[in-house]
């Protein structure tokens, strides 16, 4: 199995987590959004970004193990 799609999915999840965290801080997005300036979405964004990084690392490790 090629692990490149796993890495790409992890990168997308990480980017979404960063965007959600920034919107929770009130730095991006429309002011009428339920996510805007919400501490709950700051936390959700951080967790999502960490999950994305974990998925990228798993994909990277799987790719490296195939080369050995």
Protein backbone atom coordinates (compact mmCIF):
# COMPACT_ATOMS: atom_id res chain seq x y z
CA UNK A 1 0.00 0.00 0.00
CA UNK A 2 1.28 3.42 -0.90
CA UNK A 3 1.34 5.70 2.14
CA UNK A 4 1.44 9.00 0.20
CA UNK A 5 -2.40 9.38 0.36
CA UNK A 6 -2.20 8.96 4.15
CA UNK A 7 0.38 11.74 4.36
CA UNK A 8 -1.72 14.02 2.14
CA UNK A 9 -4.82 13.42 4.28
CA UNK A 10 -2.76 14.19 7.40
CA UNK A 11 -1.56 17.46 5.87
CA UNK A 12 -5.12 18.47 4.98
CA UNK A 13 -6.35 17.67 8.50
CA UNK A 14 -3.46 19.67 9.99
CA UNK A 15 -4.28 22.70 7.82
CA UNK A 16 -7.96 22.50 8.79
CA UNK A 17 -7.00 22.30 12.46
CA UNK A 18 -4.85 25.41 12.14
CA UNK A 19 -7.66 27.27 10.37
CA UNK A 20 -10.19 26.22 13.04
CA UNK A 21 -7.82 27.34 15.81
CA UNK A 22 -7.22 30.70 14.17
CA UNK A 23 -10.94 31.20 13.66
CA UNK A 24 -11.52 30.35 17.31
CA UNK A 25 -9.03 33.08 18.20
CA UNK A 26 -10.88 35.51 15.95
CA UNK A 27 -8.00 35.97 13.50
CA UNK A 28 -9.70 34.59 10.36
CA UNK A 29 -13.24 34.01 9.19
CA UNK A 30 -16.50 35.87 9.33
CA UNK A 31 -17.50 37.49 12.61
CA UNK A 32 -21.01 36.00 12.46
CA UNK A 33 -19.65 32.43 12.54
CA UNK A 34 -20.34 30.29 15.62
CA UNK A 35 -16.61 29.39 15.65
CA UNK A 36 -15.42 33.01 15.77
CA UNK A 37 -13.73 33.90 19.09
CA UNK A 38 -14.71 30.65 20.76
CA UNK A 39 -12.29 29.00 23.18
CA UNK A 40 -13.93 25.65 22.42
CA UNK A 41 -12.87 25.94 18.78
CA UNK A 42 -9.35 26.97 19.74
CA UNK A 43 -9.07 23.65 21.57
CA UNK A 44 -10.80 21.69 18.80
CA UNK A 45 -8.45 23.21 16.22
CA UNK A 46 -5.39 22.34 18.29
CA UNK A 47 -6.55 18.73 18.74
CA UNK A 48 -7.32 18.41 15.04
CA UNK A 49 -3.92 19.83 14.07
CA UNK A 50 -2.17 17.40 16.42
CA UNK A 51 -4.15 14.51 14.95
CA UNK A 52 -3.13 15.59 11.46
CA UNK A 53 0.55 15.71 12.44
CA UNK A 54 0.22 12.24 13.99
CA UNK A 55 -1.31 10.89 10.77
CA UNK A 56 1.51 12.45 8.73
CA UNK A 57 4.10 10.85 11.02
CA UNK A 58 2.42 7.45 10.77
CA UNK A 59 2.38 7.71 6.98
CA UNK A 60 6.03 8.75 6.95
CA UNK A 61 7.08 5.85 9.19
CA UNK A 62 5.14 3.37 7.06
CA UNK A 63 6.78 4.77 3.91
CA UNK A 64 10.27 4.52 5.45
CA UNK A 65 9.71 0.93 6.61
CA UNK A 66 8.80 -0.09 3.06
CA UNK A 67 12.15 1.17 1.79
CA UNK A 68 14.15 -0.95 4.23
